[in-house]
Amino acid sequence: MNYPIFFKTLPTITLQDPLSNFLGTFENGMVEFSYLDIVKSAGHSCPTVAGAYICTLKGLEALYRNEIPIRGNIMVSLKNDALEGVTGVIASVITQITGATEILGFKGINGNFARNNLMQFNAKIHADIEFKRLDTGKSVTVTYDPSSVPANPKQQAFMGKIMQGVATPEDKKEFAKLWQERVEAIFNNMDKVITIKS
């Protein structure tokens, strides 16, 4: 399986999952997610998937500081409706990492380890996403705006040719290259594309 080399250079997200520990899935419940893991699940790499990953990475760092985040102990609130724009894509990425779901997730064992009811949409927050610890009540908000990292002007032209069915194989290859170059640039400017507030 071949993919852009920069995927290998990106920071991973490590959490401790009590459910995984209880069921003997991972030793001590320690689980690590890479951007490649998320891309496999999403089926593609784009500014939205990258943004959701960055928001979760940086949001959990701010929320837990020097502690390891606890999977299943995080309430996630999203400002937008689940059916609006790319909100569903963003929510899916966050769910994969944190385990938080709205209603479809694991309902627990004897009242423990539940993952449903840990995500809500249409939240009254002044940011895109809020991450909240269930144990301490501490929360952080994250807003994502990749506009400071514009796409190469040629990208739109290549996309137009592809959509019209007139693109050559070389055009398609160049479009894909430029697309992933922007994703890489977004990762290289993480502090510019997100705003975190405690």
Foldseek 3Di string as FASTA:
>chain_A
DDDDPCQVVFDKAWAAEPVCCVVVNDPSRIDIGGLVNLCVVLVHDAQLSLQLVLCLRVFVCVQQVPDGHYALQKAKEFQADCPPDCNVVSVVSNCVVRVAEAAPGACDDPRPSGRHNRYYYNDPDPAGMKIAGNVPRDIKGKHFALPVQDFDPVLVVLVVCVVVVNHDPVSVVVNVVSRVVSSSVCSVPSVPGMDMDD
